[in-house]
C-alpha cells in the first residue's frame, strides 16, 4: 500500500509542478523548497491528497506533508497512522 500512496503523492506533485524532475526527488527533501511550491501550491497538494486518499488533513497536519517520505508515512492506511 505504501507504493500506492507514494504514487498518489508523486502524481499530485506532478500536477502541481509539471516541470519538476520527480525521479530525482529525495524522500526527505523539503517539497516546497525543492520544487519551488508557494503557499497556494501547497494547499492544492493538501486538497489533492485529501481527495485521493480519503484522509482528512487539518492544518496541524501540514508539517507531516513537507517531504515525500513524511507525506507517504502520514497517508498510510489504516487511518490513525
N, C-alpha and C. Protein backbone atom coordinates (compact mmCIF):
# COMPACT_ATOMS: atom_id res chain seq x y z
N UNK A 1 0.81 -1.20 0.00
CA UNK A 1 0.00 0.00 0.00
C UNK A 1 0.86 1.26 0.00
N UNK A 2 2.04 1.18 0.61
CA UNK A 2 2.92 2.35 0.64
C UNK A 2 3.28 2.80 -0.77
N UNK A 3 3.50 1.84 -1.70
CA UNK A 3 3.82 2.20 -3.07
C UNK A 3 2.66 2.94 -3.72
N UNK A 4 1.42 2.51 -3.41
CA UNK A 4 0.25 3.19 -3.95
C UNK A 4 0.17 4.61 -3.43
N UNK A 5 0.42 4.81 -2.15
CA UNK A 5 0.39 6.14 -1.56
C UNK A 5 1.48 7.01 -2.19
N UNK A 6 2.67 6.46 -2.36
CA UNK A 6 3.74 7.24 -2.98
C UNK A 6 3.36 7.64 -4.39
N UNK A 7 2.72 6.76 -5.13
CA UNK A 7 2.27 7.09 -6.48
C UNK A 7 1.25 8.22 -6.45
N UNK A 8 0.33 8.18 -5.49
CA UNK A 8 -0.66 9.25 -5.35
C UNK A 8 0.03 10.58 -5.07
N UNK A 9 1.00 10.58 -4.16
CA UNK A 9 1.71 11.81 -3.81
C UNK A 9 2.49 12.32 -5.02
N UNK A 10 3.22 11.43 -5.69
CA UNK A 10 4.01 11.86 -6.85
C UNK A 10 3.11 12.37 -7.98
N UNK A 11 1.98 11.74 -8.20
CA UNK A 11 1.05 12.19 -9.24
C UNK A 11 0.52 13.59 -8.91
N UNK A 12 0.16 13.81 -7.66
CA UNK A 12 -0.32 15.13 -7.24
C UNK A 12 0.79 16.17 -7.41
N UNK A 13 2.00 15.83 -7.01
CA UNK A 13 3.11 16.76 -7.18
C UNK A 13 3.36 17.08 -8.65
N UNK A 14 3.23 16.08 -9.49
CA UNK A 14 3.42 16.30 -10.93
C UNK A 14 2.36 17.26 -11.48
N UNK A 15 1.14 17.16 -10.99
CA UNK A 15 0.08 18.06 -11.43
C UNK A 15 0.36 19.50 -11.00
N UNK A 16 0.95 19.65 -9.83
CA UNK A 16 1.22 20.98 -9.29
C UNK A 16 2.51 21.57 -9.86
N UNK A 17 3.51 20.72 -10.06
CA UNK A 17 4.81 21.16 -10.58
C UNK A 17 5.20 20.27 -11.76
N UNK A 18 4.52 20.45 -12.91
CA UNK A 18 4.71 19.53 -14.04
C UNK A 18 6.13 19.51 -14.62
N UNK A 19 6.89 20.56 -14.41
CA UNK A 19 8.24 20.62 -14.97
C UNK A 19 9.31 20.06 -14.02
N UNK A 20 8.91 19.71 -12.82
CA UNK A 20 9.87 19.21 -11.83
C UNK A 20 10.31 17.79 -12.17
N UNK A 21 11.57 17.49 -11.90
CA UNK A 21 12.11 16.14 -12.09
C UNK A 21 11.87 15.35 -10.81
N UNK A 22 10.72 14.71 -10.75
CA UNK A 22 10.35 13.98 -9.53
C UNK A 22 11.16 12.70 -9.35
N UNK A 23 11.77 12.20 -10.42
CA UNK A 23 12.57 10.99 -10.30
C UNK A 23 13.83 11.27 -9.46
N UNK A 24 14.25 12.52 -9.41
CA UNK A 24 15.44 12.88 -8.64
C UNK A 24 15.09 13.41 -7.26
N UNK A 25 13.80 13.40 -6.90
CA UNK A 25 13.36 13.93 -5.62
C UNK A 25 13.74 13.00 -4.48
N UNK A 26 14.56 13.49 -3.59
CA UNK A 26 14.97 12.70 -2.41
C UNK A 26 13.78 12.61 -1.46
N UNK A 27 13.53 11.45 -0.86
CA UNK A 27 12.38 11.28 0.02
C UNK A 27 12.31 12.27 1.19
N UNK A 28 13.47 12.76 1.64
CA UNK A 28 13.49 13.67 2.78
C UNK A 28 13.71 15.13 2.39
N UNK A 29 13.66 15.42 1.10
CA UNK A 29 13.82 16.81 0.65
C UNK A 29 12.55 17.60 0.94
N UNK A 30 12.72 18.84 1.34
CA UNK A 30 11.59 19.72 1.58
C UNK A 30 10.90 20.00 0.25
N UNK A 31 9.64 19.61 0.15
CA UNK A 31 8.91 19.72 -1.12
C UNK A 31 8.75 21.17 -1.58
N UNK A 32 8.41 22.03 -0.66
CA UNK A 32 8.18 23.44 -1.03
C UNK A 32 9.47 24.06 -1.54
N UNK A 33 10.56 23.81 -0.86
CA UNK A 33 11.85 24.38 -1.23
C UNK A 33 12.39 23.75 -2.52
N UNK A 34 12.38 22.43 -2.58
CA UNK A 34 12.97 21.72 -3.71
C UNK A 34 12.19 21.95 -5.00
N UNK A 35 10.86 21.96 -4.91
CA UNK A 35 10.03 22.09 -6.10
C UNK A 35 9.55 23.52 -6.34
N UNK A 36 9.90 24.42 -5.45
CA UNK A 36 9.50 25.82 -5.60
C UNK A 36 8.01 26.03 -5.44
N UNK A 37 7.40 25.29 -4.53
CA UNK A 37 5.96 25.42 -4.31
C UNK A 37 5.68 26.64 -3.43
N UNK A 38 4.68 27.43 -3.82
CA UNK A 38 4.27 28.52 -2.97
C UNK A 38 3.12 28.05 -2.09
N UNK A 39 2.56 28.95 -1.29
CA UNK A 39 1.51 28.57 -0.34
C UNK A 39 0.29 27.99 -1.03
N UNK A 40 -0.10 28.58 -2.16
CA UNK A 40 -1.27 28.08 -2.89
C UNK A 40 -1.00 26.71 -3.48
N UNK A 41 0.21 26.50 -3.98
CA UNK A 41 0.59 25.17 -4.49
C UNK A 41 0.49 24.12 -3.38
N UNK A 42 0.98 24.48 -2.21
CA UNK A 42 0.95 23.53 -1.09
C UNK A 42 -0.49 23.22 -0.69
N UNK A 43 -1.33 24.23 -0.65
CA UNK A 43 -2.74 24.00 -0.32
C UNK A 43 -3.42 23.13 -1.37
N UNK A 44 -3.05 23.30 -2.61
CA UNK A 44 -3.58 22.45 -3.69
C UNK A 44 -3.12 21.01 -3.48
N UNK A 45 -1.86 20.83 -3.07
CA UNK A 45 -1.35 19.49 -2.78
C UNK A 45 -2.16 18.85 -1.66
N UNK A 46 -2.39 19.60 -0.60
CA UNK A 46 -3.19 19.08 0.52
C UNK A 46 -4.58 18.67 0.04
N UNK A 47 -5.20 19.50 -0.77
CA UNK A 47 -6.53 19.20 -1.30
C UNK A 47 -6.52 17.93 -2.15
N UNK A 48 -5.55 17.81 -3.04
CA UNK A 48 -5.47 16.63 -3.90
C UNK A 48 -5.24 15.36 -3.07
N UNK A 49 -4.34 15.43 -2.11
CA UNK A 49 -4.04 14.25 -1.30
C UNK A 49 -5.23 13.84 -0.45
N UNK A 50 -5.92 14.81 0.10
CA UNK A 50 -7.11 14.52 0.90
C UNK A 50 -8.19 13.86 0.06
N UNK A 51 -8.44 14.41 -1.11
CA UNK A 51 -9.46 13.87 -2.00
C UNK A 51 -9.12 12.47 -2.48
N UNK A 52 -7.88 12.26 -2.84
CA UNK A 52 -7.49 10.98 -3.44
C UNK A 52 -7.27 9.85 -2.43
N UNK A 53 -7.02 10.20 -1.18
CA UNK A 53 -6.79 9.16 -0.19
C UNK A 53 -7.95 9.00 0.78
N UNK A 54 -8.82 9.99 0.84
CA UNK A 54 -9.92 9.95 1.79
C UNK A 54 -9.53 10.37 3.19
N UNK A 55 -8.29 10.81 3.36
CA UNK A 55 -7.81 11.28 4.66
C UNK A 55 -8.22 12.73 4.87
N UNK A 56 -8.70 13.01 6.04
CA UNK A 56 -8.91 14.41 6.43
C UNK A 56 -7.54 14.95 6.81
N UNK A 57 -7.17 16.07 6.23
CA UNK A 57 -5.88 16.69 6.53
C UNK A 57 -6.16 18.07 7.11
N UNK A 58 -5.86 18.22 8.38
CA UNK A 58 -6.05 19.50 9.06
C UNK A 58 -4.78 20.33 9.01
N UNK A 59 -4.91 21.61 9.28
CA UNK A 59 -3.75 22.50 9.23
C UNK A 59 -2.62 22.03 10.15
N UNK A 60 -2.97 21.46 11.29
CA UNK A 60 -1.92 20.99 12.21
C UNK A 60 -1.17 19.78 11.64
N UNK A 61 -1.70 19.15 10.58
CA UNK A 61 -1.05 18.02 9.93
C UNK A 61 -0.06 18.45 8.86
N UNK A 62 -0.09 19.71 8.45
CA UNK A 62 0.74 20.18 7.35
C UNK A 62 2.22 19.86 7.52
N UNK A 63 2.79 19.98 8.73
CA UNK A 63 4.22 19.65 8.87
C UNK A 63 4.55 18.21 8.47
N UNK A 64 3.57 17.32 8.54
CA UNK A 64 3.79 15.92 8.15
C UNK A 64 3.91 15.78 6.63
N UNK A 65 3.50 16.80 5.90
CA UNK A 65 3.48 16.73 4.44
C UNK A 65 4.61 17.50 3.78
N UNK A 66 5.61 17.87 4.54
CA UNK A 66 6.68 18.71 3.98
C UNK A 66 7.68 17.93 3.14
N UNK A 67 7.71 16.61 3.29
CA UNK A 67 8.62 15.77 2.49
C UNK A 67 7.82 14.63 1.87
N UNK A 68 8.38 14.02 0.86
CA UNK A 68 7.74 12.86 0.24
C UNK A 68 7.59 11.73 1.26
N UNK A 69 8.66 11.43 1.99
CA UNK A 69 8.61 10.35 2.98
C UNK A 69 7.59 10.67 4.07
N UNK A 70 7.54 11.90 4.52
CA UNK A 70 6.59 12.30 5.55
C UNK A 70 5.16 12.17 5.08
N UNK A 71 4.91 12.60 3.84
CA UNK A 71 3.55 12.52 3.29
C UNK A 71 3.11 11.06 3.15
N UNK A 72 3.98 10.21 2.66
CA UNK A 72 3.64 8.80 2.50
C UNK A 72 3.36 8.18 3.86
N UNK A 73 4.20 8.46 4.83
CA UNK A 73 4.01 7.91 6.17
C UNK A 73 2.70 8.40 6.77
N UNK A 74 2.39 9.67 6.62
CA UNK A 74 1.16 10.24 7.16
C UNK A 74 -0.08 9.64 6.53
N UNK A 75 -0.02 9.39 5.24
CA UNK A 75 -1.20 8.95 4.49
C UNK A 75 -1.40 7.44 4.46
N UNK A 76 -0.45 6.69 5.00
CA UNK A 76 -0.59 5.22 5.00
C UNK A 76 -1.86 4.79 5.69
N UNK A 77 -2.49 3.79 5.15
CA UNK A 77 -3.66 3.19 5.77
C UNK A 77 -3.20 2.14 6.74
N UNK A 78 -3.92 1.83 7.77
CA UNK A 78 -5.23 2.38 8.09
C UNK A 78 -5.12 3.77 8.69
N UNK A 79 -6.19 4.55 8.62
CA UNK A 79 -6.17 5.88 9.23
C UNK A 79 -5.80 5.78 10.70
N UNK A 80 -5.23 6.84 11.19
CA UNK A 80 -4.80 6.84 12.58
C UNK A 80 -3.30 6.67 12.67
N UNK A 81 -2.71 6.36 11.56
CA UNK A 81 -1.28 6.24 11.42
C UNK A 81 -0.71 5.42 12.52
